[in-house]
């Protein structure tokens, strides 16, 4: 499915690559090590949506100061996620599953929350179609674990169709008052 999607979307991928290069510069892709199945690390690839602006000490500025209007649009349309199809082809990800979060969150998970890593992470998932970034971390983890416990082909098909609906409605892109998603700090 990912291979067919890459072939079908290739002209769009090339166009976005060009626009990212013009609007945000190099690199075109954002790459970051994330935890996958059984917490094994892999390199996630997305289209870059933020500038690499730093402060006087060389530290990256907060997301809200680096996220451009174009970057907001890329995220709102979920087009920044398209390069993750490569992660699916490589076997690091699935089309549907819990979204891969940051490596730094691994030691913060409760035993129940860590169960999200018993399936491959996905480009979209149950938490994305039930609130995306507008829900609390606690709700997001509960939805991820619910997916792990109820995972099936029919559920995946339902999630794919609900994702398409969410993308076109541009709903739940970020939490109120946040440019992206607030940082997970362990709510146990």
N, C-alpha and C. Protein backbone atom coordinates (compact mmCIF):
# COMPACT_ATOMS: atom_id res chain seq x y z
N UNK A 1 0.82 -1.20 0.00
CA UNK A 1 0.00 0.00 0.00
C UNK A 1 0.87 1.27 0.00
N UNK A 2 1.95 1.26 0.81
CA UNK A 2 2.85 2.43 0.87
C UNK A 2 3.56 2.64 -0.45
N UNK A 3 3.97 1.55 -1.10
CA UNK A 3 4.66 1.65 -2.39
C UNK A 3 3.74 2.27 -3.44
N UNK A 4 2.50 1.81 -3.48
CA UNK A 4 1.52 2.36 -4.44
C UNK A 4 1.26 3.83 -4.14
N UNK A 5 1.16 4.17 -2.85
CA UNK A 5 0.94 5.56 -2.46
C UNK A 5 2.10 6.45 -2.89
N UNK A 6 3.33 5.97 -2.72
CA UNK A 6 4.50 6.76 -3.11
C UNK A 6 4.48 7.01 -4.62
N UNK A 7 4.18 5.98 -5.39
CA UNK A 7 4.12 6.15 -6.86
C UNK A 7 3.03 7.14 -7.24
N UNK A 8 1.85 6.96 -6.67
CA UNK A 8 0.71 7.83 -6.97
C UNK A 8 0.97 9.27 -6.54
N UNK A 9 1.61 9.45 -5.38
CA UNK A 9 1.84 10.79 -4.82
C UNK A 9 3.16 11.42 -5.23
N UNK A 10 3.93 10.74 -6.07
CA UNK A 10 5.27 11.23 -6.43
C UNK A 10 5.28 12.67 -6.94
N UNK A 11 4.38 13.07 -7.85
CA UNK A 11 4.39 14.48 -8.29
C UNK A 11 4.14 15.46 -7.13
N UNK A 12 3.25 15.09 -6.22
CA UNK A 12 2.97 15.95 -5.06
C UNK A 12 4.19 16.01 -4.15
N UNK A 13 4.85 14.88 -3.94
CA UNK A 13 6.06 14.84 -3.12
C UNK A 13 7.14 15.75 -3.70
N UNK A 14 7.34 15.68 -5.01
CA UNK A 14 8.34 16.54 -5.66
C UNK A 14 7.99 18.02 -5.52
N UNK A 15 6.72 18.34 -5.70
CA UNK A 15 6.28 19.73 -5.56
C UNK A 15 6.51 20.24 -4.14
N UNK A 16 6.15 19.45 -3.15
CA UNK A 16 6.34 19.86 -1.75
C UNK A 16 7.83 20.01 -1.45
N UNK A 17 8.65 19.11 -1.97
CA UNK A 17 10.10 19.22 -1.76
C UNK A 17 10.60 20.56 -2.27
N UNK A 18 10.16 20.95 -3.45
CA UNK A 18 10.58 22.22 -4.04
C UNK A 18 10.11 23.40 -3.19
N UNK A 19 8.86 23.39 -2.77
CA UNK A 19 8.32 24.50 -1.97
C UNK A 19 9.00 24.58 -0.61
N UNK A 20 9.25 23.43 0.03
CA UNK A 20 9.96 23.44 1.32
C UNK A 20 11.35 24.05 1.13
N UNK A 21 12.03 23.68 0.06
CA UNK A 21 13.38 24.21 -0.22
C UNK A 21 13.34 25.71 -0.39
N UNK A 22 12.34 26.21 -1.12
CA UNK A 22 12.22 27.65 -1.38
C UNK A 22 11.83 28.40 -0.11
N UNK A 23 10.83 27.89 0.61
CA UNK A 23 10.29 28.62 1.77
C UNK A 23 11.10 28.44 3.05
N UNK A 24 11.68 27.25 3.26
CA UNK A 24 12.35 26.97 4.52
C UNK A 24 13.84 26.68 4.37
N UNK A 25 14.30 26.49 3.14
CA UNK A 25 15.71 26.20 2.93
C UNK A 25 16.03 24.72 3.12
N UNK A 26 17.30 24.46 3.35
CA UNK A 26 17.76 23.08 3.57
C UNK A 26 17.92 22.83 5.05
N UNK A 27 17.79 21.61 5.45
CA UNK A 27 17.39 20.43 4.68
C UNK A 27 15.89 20.43 4.41
N UNK A 28 15.49 19.66 3.43
CA UNK A 28 14.08 19.56 3.07
C UNK A 28 13.34 18.67 4.07
N UNK A 29 14.04 17.66 4.53
CA UNK A 29 13.42 16.68 5.43
C UNK A 29 13.83 16.90 6.88
N UNK A 30 12.91 16.62 7.77
CA UNK A 30 13.17 16.59 9.20
C UNK A 30 13.34 15.12 9.56
N UNK A 31 14.45 14.78 10.17
CA UNK A 31 14.69 13.40 10.58
C UNK A 31 14.97 13.37 12.07
N UNK A 32 14.40 12.39 12.74
CA UNK A 32 14.58 12.28 14.18
C UNK A 32 14.43 10.82 14.60
N UNK A 33 15.26 10.40 15.54
CA UNK A 33 15.17 9.04 16.05
C UNK A 33 13.95 8.96 16.96
N UNK A 34 13.12 7.95 16.71
CA UNK A 34 11.90 7.74 17.48
C UNK A 34 11.83 6.27 17.89
N UNK A 35 11.06 5.97 18.96
CA UNK A 35 10.88 4.57 19.35
C UNK A 35 9.76 3.92 18.54
N UNK A 36 10.02 2.69 18.12
CA UNK A 36 9.03 1.95 17.35
C UNK A 36 8.56 0.71 18.08
N UNK A 37 8.34 -0.35 17.32
CA UNK A 37 7.89 -1.62 17.86
C UNK A 37 8.86 -2.10 18.93
N UNK A 38 8.34 -2.46 20.09
CA UNK A 38 9.14 -2.93 21.23
C UNK A 38 10.21 -1.91 21.65
N UNK A 39 9.93 -0.64 21.41
CA UNK A 39 10.79 0.49 21.79
C UNK A 39 12.10 0.55 21.01
N UNK A 40 12.22 -0.24 19.93
CA UNK A 40 13.42 -0.19 19.08
C UNK A 40 13.45 1.14 18.35
N UNK A 41 14.60 1.75 18.27
CA UNK A 41 14.70 3.07 17.65
C UNK A 41 14.78 2.97 16.12
N UNK A 42 14.25 3.98 15.47
CA UNK A 42 14.36 4.12 14.02
C UNK A 42 14.36 5.60 13.70
N UNK A 43 14.78 5.94 12.48
CA UNK A 43 14.85 7.35 12.08
C UNK A 43 13.59 7.72 11.29
N UNK A 44 12.74 8.53 11.91
CA UNK A 44 11.51 9.01 11.30
C UNK A 44 11.87 10.13 10.31
N UNK A 45 11.19 10.16 9.18
CA UNK A 45 11.43 11.21 8.19
C UNK A 45 10.11 11.90 7.85
N UNK A 46 10.14 13.23 7.89
CA UNK A 46 8.97 14.06 7.55
C UNK A 46 9.46 15.24 6.74
N UNK A 47 8.55 15.96 6.11
CA UNK A 47 8.92 17.23 5.51
C UNK A 47 9.14 18.24 6.63
N UNK A 48 10.16 19.03 6.49
CA UNK A 48 10.45 20.06 7.49
C UNK A 48 9.35 21.11 7.46
N UNK A 49 8.91 21.56 8.65
CA UNK A 49 7.85 22.57 8.71
C UNK A 49 8.26 23.78 9.55
N UNK A 50 9.48 23.78 10.06
CA UNK A 50 9.95 24.89 10.89
C UNK A 50 11.30 25.40 10.41
N UNK A 51 11.54 26.65 10.71
CA UNK A 51 12.85 27.24 10.45
C UNK A 51 13.83 26.75 11.52
N UNK A 52 15.11 26.83 11.24
CA UNK A 52 16.12 26.42 12.21
C UNK A 52 16.68 27.62 12.96
N UNK A 53 15.82 28.55 13.35
CA UNK A 53 16.26 29.76 14.06
C UNK A 53 16.73 29.41 15.47
N UNK A 54 17.86 30.03 15.86
CA UNK A 54 18.44 29.80 17.19
C UNK A 54 18.60 31.12 17.94
N UNK A 55 18.75 31.01 19.26
CA UNK A 55 18.98 32.20 20.08
C UNK A 55 20.47 32.54 20.10
N UNK A 56 20.86 33.51 20.90
CA UNK A 56 22.26 33.95 20.96
C UNK A 56 23.22 32.86 21.43
N UNK A 57 22.72 31.89 22.22
CA UNK A 57 23.57 30.80 22.70
C UNK A 57 23.58 29.60 21.74
N UNK A 58 22.82 29.69 20.65
CA UNK A 58 22.79 28.61 19.67
C UNK A 58 21.71 27.56 19.90
N UNK A 59 20.79 27.81 20.86
CA UNK A 59 19.69 26.88 21.12
C UNK A 59 18.51 27.22 20.21
N UNK A 60 17.83 26.17 19.73
CA UNK A 60 16.65 26.40 18.89
C UNK A 60 15.62 27.22 19.64
N UNK A 61 15.01 28.16 18.92
CA UNK A 61 13.93 28.97 19.49
C UNK A 61 12.70 28.08 19.69
N UNK A 62 11.75 28.51 20.53
CA UNK A 62 10.51 27.72 20.72
C UNK A 62 9.78 27.52 19.39
N UNK A 63 9.00 26.44 19.34
CA UNK A 63 8.27 26.08 18.12
C UNK A 63 7.49 27.25 17.54
N UNK A 64 6.77 28.00 18.40
CA UNK A 64 5.91 29.07 17.90
C UNK A 64 6.70 30.18 17.19
N UNK A 65 8.01 30.29 17.46
CA UNK A 65 8.84 31.29 16.80
C UNK A 65 9.50 30.75 15.54
N UNK A 66 9.44 29.44 15.35
CA UNK A 66 10.07 28.82 14.18
C UNK A 66 9.05 28.31 13.17
N UNK A 67 7.80 28.14 13.59
CA UNK A 67 6.76 27.61 12.71
C UNK A 67 6.21 28.73 11.83
N UNK A 68 6.39 28.60 10.53
CA UNK A 68 5.94 29.61 9.58
C UNK A 68 4.49 29.33 9.16
N UNK A 69 3.89 30.27 8.45
CA UNK A 69 2.53 30.05 7.93
C UNK A 69 2.51 28.84 7.00
N UNK A 70 3.54 28.72 6.18
CA UNK A 70 3.64 27.57 5.29
C UNK A 70 3.75 26.27 6.10
N UNK A 71 4.56 26.28 7.15
CA UNK A 71 4.71 25.13 8.03
C UNK A 71 3.40 24.76 8.70
N UNK A 72 2.65 25.78 9.14
CA UNK A 72 1.33 25.52 9.75
C UNK A 72 0.41 24.86 8.73
N UNK A 73 0.45 25.33 7.50
CA UNK A 73 -0.38 24.75 6.44
C UNK A 73 0.03 23.30 6.17
N UNK A 74 1.34 23.06 6.08
CA UNK A 74 1.83 21.69 5.85
C UNK A 74 1.30 20.75 6.93
N UNK A 75 1.37 21.19 8.19
CA UNK A 75 0.90 20.36 9.30
C UNK A 75 -0.62 20.21 9.29
N UNK A 76 -1.32 21.30 9.00
CA UNK A 76 -2.79 21.26 8.99
C UNK A 76 -3.31 20.28 7.94
N UNK A 77 -2.62 20.19 6.81
CA UNK A 77 -3.03 19.28 5.74
C UNK A 77 -2.40 17.90 5.89
N UNK A 78 -1.52 17.74 6.88
CA UNK A 78 -0.78 16.50 7.15
C UNK A 78 0.14 16.10 6.00
N UNK A 79 0.41 17.03 5.09
CA UNK A 79 1.34 16.73 3.99
C UNK A 79 2.77 16.55 4.49
N UNK A 80 3.08 17.10 5.66
CA UNK A 80 4.43 16.92 6.22
C UNK A 80 4.70 15.46 6.57
N UNK A 81 3.64 14.66 6.71
CA UNK A 81 3.77 13.25 7.09
C UNK A 81 4.04 12.32 5.91
N UNK A 82 3.85 12.78 4.68
CA UNK A 82 3.97 11.89 3.51
C UNK A 82 5.30 11.15 3.41
N UNK A 83 6.45 11.75 3.75
CA UNK A 83 7.70 10.99 3.66
C UNK A 83 7.75 9.78 4.60
N UNK A 84 6.85 9.70 5.58
CA UNK A 84 6.81 8.55 6.47
C UNK A 84 6.42 7.28 5.71
N UNK A 85 5.90 7.44 4.50
CA UNK A 85 5.62 6.26 3.68
C UNK A 85 6.92 5.47 3.45
N UNK A 86 8.04 6.18 3.41
CA UNK A 86 9.35 5.51 3.29
C UNK A 86 9.61 4.65 4.53
N UNK A 87 9.27 5.19 5.72
CA UNK A 87 9.41 4.41 6.96
C UNK A 87 8.54 3.16 6.92
N UNK A 88 7.37 3.26 6.30
CA UNK A 88 6.49 2.10 6.17
C UNK A 88 7.13 1.07 5.24
N UNK A 89 7.67 1.54 4.11
CA UNK A 89 8.34 0.63 3.17
C UNK A 89 9.52 -0.09 3.82
N UNK A 90 10.26 0.63 4.66
CA UNK A 90 11.41 0.03 5.34
C UNK A 90 11.00 -0.92 6.45
N UNK A 91 9.74 -0.90 6.87
CA UNK A 91 9.27 -1.79 7.91
C UNK A 91 9.34 -1.21 9.31
N UNK A 92 9.73 0.06 9.44
CA UNK A 92 9.82 0.71 10.76
C UNK A 92 8.45 1.13 11.28
N UNK A 93 7.54 1.40 10.35
CA UNK A 93 6.22 1.91 10.70
C UNK A 93 5.15 1.16 9.92
N UNK A 94 3.91 1.41 10.31
CA UNK A 94 2.75 0.89 9.61
C UNK A 94 1.94 2.11 9.16
N UNK A 95 0.98 1.91 8.30
CA UNK A 95 0.10 3.02 7.93
C UNK A 95 -0.70 3.44 9.17
N UNK A 96 -1.20 2.45 9.94
CA UNK A 96 -2.01 2.72 11.13
C UNK A 96 -1.34 2.14 12.36
N UNK A 97 -1.31 2.93 13.43
CA UNK A 97 -0.76 2.51 14.71
C UNK A 97 -0.56 3.75 15.57
N UNK A 98 -0.15 3.59 16.80
CA UNK A 98 0.11 4.78 17.63
C UNK A 98 1.22 5.63 17.01
N UNK A 99 1.05 6.93 17.02
CA UNK A 99 2.08 7.82 16.46
C UNK A 99 3.38 7.67 17.24
N UNK A 100 4.53 7.63 16.55
CA UNK A 100 5.80 7.52 17.25
C UNK A 100 6.14 8.85 17.94
N UNK A 101 6.38 8.79 19.22
CA UNK A 101 6.68 9.99 20.00
C UNK A 101 8.19 10.14 20.17
N UNK A 102 8.62 10.87 21.15
CA UNK A 102 10.05 11.13 21.33
C UNK A 102 10.72 10.06 22.19
N UNK A 103 11.99 9.80 21.92
CA UNK A 103 12.77 8.84 22.70
C UNK A 103 12.82 9.25 24.17
N UNK A 104 12.89 10.55 24.41
CA UNK A 104 13.01 11.04 25.78
C UNK A 104 11.78 10.71 26.64
N UNK A 105 10.68 10.35 26.01
CA UNK A 105 9.47 10.01 26.76
C UNK A 105 9.48 8.57 27.30
N UNK A 106 10.30 7.70 26.72
CA UNK A 106 10.28 6.28 27.11
C UNK A 106 10.37 6.05 28.62
N UNK A 107 11.31 6.68 29.35
CA UNK A 107 11.38 6.40 30.79
C UNK A 107 10.22 7.02 31.58
N UNK A 108 9.42 7.86 30.95
CA UNK A 108 8.32 8.54 31.64
C UNK A 108 7.01 7.76 31.60
N UNK A 109 6.92 6.76 30.72
CA UNK A 109 5.68 6.02 30.57
C UNK A 109 5.39 5.13 31.77
N UNK A 110 4.11 5.02 32.10
CA UNK A 110 3.68 3.99 33.04
C UNK A 110 3.73 2.66 32.28
N UNK A 111 3.59 1.57 33.00
CA UNK A 111 3.59 0.25 32.36
C UNK A 111 2.46 0.17 31.32
N UNK A 112 1.31 0.71 31.67
CA UNK A 112 0.16 0.69 30.76
C UNK A 112 0.43 1.54 29.52
N UNK A 113 0.97 2.74 29.69
CA UNK A 113 1.25 3.62 28.56
C UNK A 113 2.29 3.01 27.63
N UNK A 114 3.26 2.30 28.18
CA UNK A 114 4.33 1.69 27.39
C UNK A 114 3.81 0.59 26.47
N UNK A 115 2.61 0.08 26.73
CA UNK A 115 2.03 -0.96 25.88
C UNK A 115 1.81 -0.47 24.46
N UNK A 116 1.80 0.83 24.25
CA UNK A 116 1.64 1.39 22.90
C UNK A 116 2.74 0.91 21.96
N UNK A 117 3.86 0.45 22.54
CA UNK A 117 5.00 -0.01 21.74
C UNK A 117 4.94 -1.50 21.42
N UNK A 118 3.82 -2.14 21.69
CA UNK A 118 3.69 -3.56 21.36
C UNK A 118 3.16 -3.76 19.93
N UNK A 119 2.92 -2.67 19.22
CA UNK A 119 2.60 -2.70 17.79
C UNK A 119 3.48 -1.66 17.09
N UNK A 120 3.60 -1.78 15.78
CA UNK A 120 4.38 -0.78 15.04
C UNK A 120 3.69 0.58 15.13
N UNK A 121 4.47 1.65 15.21
CA UNK A 121 3.86 2.98 15.17
C UNK A 121 3.28 3.24 13.78
N UNK A 122 2.35 4.18 13.70
CA UNK A 122 1.70 4.44 12.43
C UNK A 122 1.76 5.89 12.00
N UNK A 123 1.49 6.10 10.73
CA UNK A 123 1.37 7.46 10.20
C UNK A 123 0.12 8.11 10.78
N UNK A 124 -0.91 7.31 10.95
CA UNK A 124 -2.13 7.75 11.60
C UNK A 124 -2.54 6.70 12.62
N UNK A 125 -3.45 7.08 13.49
CA UNK A 125 -3.86 6.13 14.52
C UNK A 125 -5.18 6.50 15.16
N UNK A 126 -5.61 5.67 16.11
CA UNK A 126 -6.88 5.86 16.80
C UNK A 126 -6.90 7.20 17.55
N UNK A 127 -5.79 7.57 18.16
CA UNK A 127 -5.74 8.86 18.88
C UNK A 127 -5.83 10.04 17.90
N UNK A 128 -5.28 9.88 16.70
CA UNK A 128 -5.32 10.96 15.72
C UNK A 128 -6.74 11.23 15.23
N UNK A 129 -7.53 10.19 15.06
CA UNK A 129 -8.90 10.39 14.58
C UNK A 129 -9.87 10.70 15.71
N UNK A 130 -9.39 10.64 16.95
CA UNK A 130 -10.23 10.93 18.10
C UNK A 130 -9.70 12.12 18.90
N UNK A 131 -9.11 13.07 18.20
CA UNK A 131 -8.68 14.29 18.89
C UNK A 131 -7.31 14.79 18.48
N UNK A 132 -6.51 13.96 17.84
CA UNK A 132 -5.19 14.35 17.36
C UNK A 132 -4.39 15.04 18.45
N UNK A 133 -3.97 16.26 18.23
CA UNK A 133 -3.16 16.98 19.22
C UNK A 133 -4.00 17.83 20.17
N UNK A 134 -5.32 17.83 20.01
CA UNK A 134 -6.17 18.67 20.86
C UNK A 134 -6.60 17.96 22.14
N UNK A 135 -6.19 16.70 22.32
CA UNK A 135 -6.57 15.95 23.52
C UNK A 135 -5.39 15.88 24.49
N UNK A 136 -5.68 15.51 25.72
CA UNK A 136 -4.64 15.42 26.75
C UNK A 136 -3.74 14.22 26.47
N UNK A 137 -2.55 14.24 27.07
CA UNK A 137 -1.65 13.10 26.95
C UNK A 137 -2.31 11.84 27.51
N UNK A 138 -2.99 11.96 28.63
CA UNK A 138 -3.63 10.81 29.25
C UNK A 138 -4.64 10.18 28.29
N UNK A 139 -5.46 11.02 27.65
CA UNK A 139 -6.44 10.50 26.68
C UNK A 139 -5.75 9.88 25.47
N UNK A 140 -4.69 10.52 25.02
CA UNK A 140 -3.95 10.00 23.85
C UNK A 140 -3.41 8.60 24.15
N UNK A 141 -2.81 8.42 25.34
CA UNK A 141 -2.27 7.11 25.69
C UNK A 141 -3.37 6.07 25.85
N UNK A 142 -4.50 6.45 26.43
CA UNK A 142 -5.62 5.51 26.57
C UNK A 142 -6.11 5.06 25.20
N UNK A 143 -6.21 5.99 24.25
CA UNK A 143 -6.64 5.64 22.90
C UNK A 143 -5.61 4.75 22.19
N UNK A 144 -4.32 5.03 22.40
CA UNK A 144 -3.27 4.19 21.80
C UNK A 144 -3.34 2.77 22.33
N UNK A 145 -3.52 2.62 23.63
CA UNK A 145 -3.59 1.29 24.24
C UNK A 145 -4.89 0.58 23.82
N UNK A 146 -5.97 1.34 23.68
CA UNK A 146 -7.22 0.75 23.18
C UNK A 146 -6.98 0.17 21.79
N UNK A 147 -6.24 0.92 20.95
CA UNK A 147 -5.94 0.42 19.60
C UNK A 147 -5.13 -0.88 19.68
N UNK A 148 -4.13 -0.92 20.54
CA UNK A 148 -3.32 -2.13 20.70
C UNK A 148 -4.22 -3.33 21.04
N UNK A 149 -5.17 -3.12 21.93
CA UNK A 149 -6.05 -4.21 22.38
C UNK A 149 -7.12 -4.58 21.36
N UNK A 150 -7.45 -3.69 20.44
CA UNK A 150 -8.55 -3.92 19.50
C UNK A 150 -8.12 -3.90 18.04
N UNK A 151 -6.87 -3.93 17.79
CA UNK A 151 -6.27 -3.83 16.47
C UNK A 151 -6.82 -4.91 15.53
N UNK A 152 -7.29 -4.47 14.35
CA UNK A 152 -7.80 -5.39 13.33
C UNK A 152 -7.74 -4.69 11.97
N UNK A 153 -7.86 -5.46 10.92
CA UNK A 153 -7.88 -4.90 9.57
C UNK A 153 -9.05 -3.93 9.41
N UNK A 154 -10.23 -4.30 9.93
CA UNK A 154 -11.40 -3.44 9.79
C UNK A 154 -11.23 -2.13 10.55
N UNK A 155 -10.62 -2.20 11.72
CA UNK A 155 -10.36 -0.97 12.48
C UNK A 155 -9.37 -0.09 11.72
N UNK A 156 -8.35 -0.70 11.14
CA UNK A 156 -7.38 0.08 10.36
C UNK A 156 -8.04 0.77 9.17
N UNK A 157 -8.91 0.07 8.49
CA UNK A 157 -9.64 0.67 7.35
C UNK A 157 -10.49 1.83 7.83
N UNK A 158 -11.19 1.64 8.95
CA UNK A 158 -12.01 2.72 9.52
C UNK A 158 -11.13 3.93 9.86
N UNK A 159 -9.97 3.69 10.47
CA UNK A 159 -9.05 4.78 10.85
C UNK A 159 -8.56 5.52 9.61
N UNK A 160 -8.25 4.80 8.55
CA UNK A 160 -7.78 5.45 7.31
C UNK A 160 -8.86 6.38 6.77
N UNK A 161 -10.11 5.91 6.73
CA UNK A 161 -11.20 6.77 6.23
C UNK A 161 -11.46 7.95 7.16
N UNK A 162 -11.40 7.73 8.47
CA UNK A 162 -11.58 8.83 9.42
C UNK A 162 -10.43 9.83 9.33
N UNK A 163 -9.23 9.34 9.04
CA UNK A 163 -8.08 10.23 8.87
C UNK A 163 -8.29 11.16 7.68
N UNK A 164 -8.75 10.62 6.58
CA UNK A 164 -9.01 11.43 5.39
C UNK A 164 -10.02 12.53 5.74
N UNK A 165 -11.06 12.17 6.46
CA UNK A 165 -12.07 13.15 6.88
C UNK A 165 -11.44 14.23 7.78
N UNK A 166 -10.61 13.81 8.74
CA UNK A 166 -9.94 14.76 9.66
C UNK A 166 -9.03 15.71 8.89
N UNK A 167 -8.26 15.16 7.94
CA UNK A 167 -7.32 15.99 7.17
C UNK A 167 -8.08 17.06 6.39
N UNK A 168 -9.19 16.67 5.76
CA UNK A 168 -9.94 17.65 4.99
C UNK A 168 -10.66 18.68 5.86
N UNK A 169 -11.02 18.29 7.08
CA UNK A 169 -11.67 19.25 7.99
C UNK A 169 -10.64 20.07 8.77
N UNK A 170 -9.36 19.61 8.74
CA UNK A 170 -8.25 20.27 9.44
C UNK A 170 -8.55 20.46 10.93
N UNK A 171 -9.16 19.46 11.52
CA UNK A 171 -9.56 19.53 12.93
C UNK A 171 -8.47 19.02 13.86
N UNK A 172 -8.42 19.58 15.06
CA UNK A 172 -7.59 19.09 16.17
C UNK A 172 -6.09 19.09 15.86
N UNK A 173 -5.61 20.10 15.16
CA UNK A 173 -4.21 20.15 14.75
C UNK A 173 -3.28 20.38 15.94
N UNK A 174 -3.67 21.22 16.87
CA UNK A 174 -2.85 21.46 18.05
C UNK A 174 -3.70 21.79 19.26
N UNK A 175 -3.04 21.74 20.42
CA UNK A 175 -3.74 22.06 21.67
C UNK A 175 -3.95 23.57 21.76
N UNK A 176 -4.99 23.98 22.48
CA UNK A 176 -5.24 25.40 22.68
C UNK A 176 -4.03 26.06 23.32
N UNK A 177 -3.61 27.17 22.75
CA UNK A 177 -2.49 27.93 23.29
C UNK A 177 -1.12 27.37 22.96
N UNK A 178 -1.05 26.34 22.13
CA UNK A 178 0.22 25.71 21.76
C UNK A 178 0.40 25.78 20.25
N UNK A 179 1.66 25.99 19.81
CA UNK A 179 1.95 25.98 18.38
C UNK A 179 1.95 24.55 17.85
N UNK A 180 2.34 23.62 18.70
CA UNK A 180 2.35 22.21 18.30
C UNK A 180 1.65 21.42 19.41
N UNK A 181 2.31 20.47 20.01
CA UNK A 181 1.75 19.68 21.12
C UNK A 181 2.59 19.97 22.34
N UNK A 182 1.96 20.10 23.49
CA UNK A 182 2.73 20.34 24.71
C UNK A 182 3.61 19.13 25.00
N UNK A 183 4.69 19.37 25.71
CA UNK A 183 5.64 18.32 26.04
C UNK A 183 5.05 17.37 27.09
N UNK A 184 5.32 16.07 26.91
CA UNK A 184 4.88 15.08 27.89
C UNK A 184 5.85 15.08 29.06
N UNK A 185 5.32 15.24 30.26
CA UNK A 185 6.20 15.34 31.44
C UNK A 185 5.89 14.30 32.50
N UNK A 186 5.14 13.27 32.14
CA UNK A 186 4.78 12.19 33.05
C UNK A 186 3.71 12.64 34.02
N UNK A 187 2.54 12.14 33.80
CA UNK A 187 1.40 12.54 34.63
C UNK A 187 1.06 11.48 35.67
N UNK A 188 2.01 10.64 36.03
CA UNK A 188 1.76 9.59 37.04
C UNK A 188 2.06 10.09 38.43
